[in-house]
Protein backbone atom coordinates (compact mmCIF):
# COMPACT_ATOMS: atom_id res chain seq x y z
CA MET A 1 34.38 12.42 73.15
CA ILE A 2 36.09 15.27 74.95
CA PHE A 3 39.72 16.06 74.60
CA PHE A 4 41.44 17.75 77.56
CA THR A 5 44.90 18.40 78.91
CA ARG A 6 46.72 18.15 82.10
CA LYS A 7 49.74 19.95 83.19
CA SER A 8 52.68 17.98 84.53
CA ARG A 9 54.81 19.24 87.36
CA SER A 10 57.96 17.90 85.85
CA ASN A 11 57.24 18.92 82.22
CA PRO A 12 56.30 22.48 80.90
CA LYS A 13 54.16 20.87 78.22
CA LEU A 14 50.46 19.48 78.49
CA SER A 15 49.61 15.89 78.31
CA ILE A 16 46.60 15.10 76.03
CA TYR A 17 43.77 12.89 77.23
CA VAL A 18 40.37 11.86 75.78
CA ARG A 19 37.22 11.19 77.87
CA ILE A 20 34.54 8.98 76.47
CA THR A 21 31.19 8.68 78.03
CA ILE A 22 28.65 5.91 77.13
CA ASN A 23 25.51 5.18 79.06
CA ARG A 24 26.73 7.56 81.82
CA LYS A 25 29.93 5.61 82.28
CA ARG A 26 33.23 7.53 81.73
CA ALA A 27 36.62 6.32 80.57
CA LYS A 28 39.68 8.54 80.51
CA ILE A 29 42.51 7.56 78.21
CA SER A 30 45.96 9.11 77.91
CA LEU A 31 46.90 9.60 74.27
CA LYS A 32 50.56 9.60 75.28
CA ARG A 33 51.13 12.82 73.48
CA VAL A 34 52.16 16.23 74.71
CA ILE A 35 51.70 19.73 73.38
CA SER A 36 53.04 23.13 74.34
CA ILE A 37 50.74 25.39 76.31
CA LYS A 38 50.79 28.14 73.62
CA ASP A 39 49.68 25.63 70.91
CA TRP A 40 46.58 24.32 72.69
CA ASP A 41 43.22 26.24 72.02
CA ARG A 42 41.52 25.80 75.42
CA ASN A 43 38.14 27.19 74.21
CA LYS A 44 37.92 24.67 71.34
CA SER A 45 39.80 21.74 72.95
CA HIS A 46 42.14 21.22 70.02
CA HIS A 47 45.50 22.24 68.56
CA SER A 48 45.35 25.87 67.67
CA SER A 49 47.07 25.50 64.25
CA SER A 50 44.39 23.03 63.00
CA GLN A 51 41.83 25.80 62.68
CA LYS A 52 40.95 26.70 59.04
């Protein structure tokens, strides 16, 4: 599973998606959640405050 974000043109926040690959077949699913750009850790693909 890979979590990734997409920037919306109408919203300054990022939409969160997950991509699942099984037997070389991919499925992208919107989690229907948004996060501010400053709170997303792009290098680790998760919310920056969840690091401990």
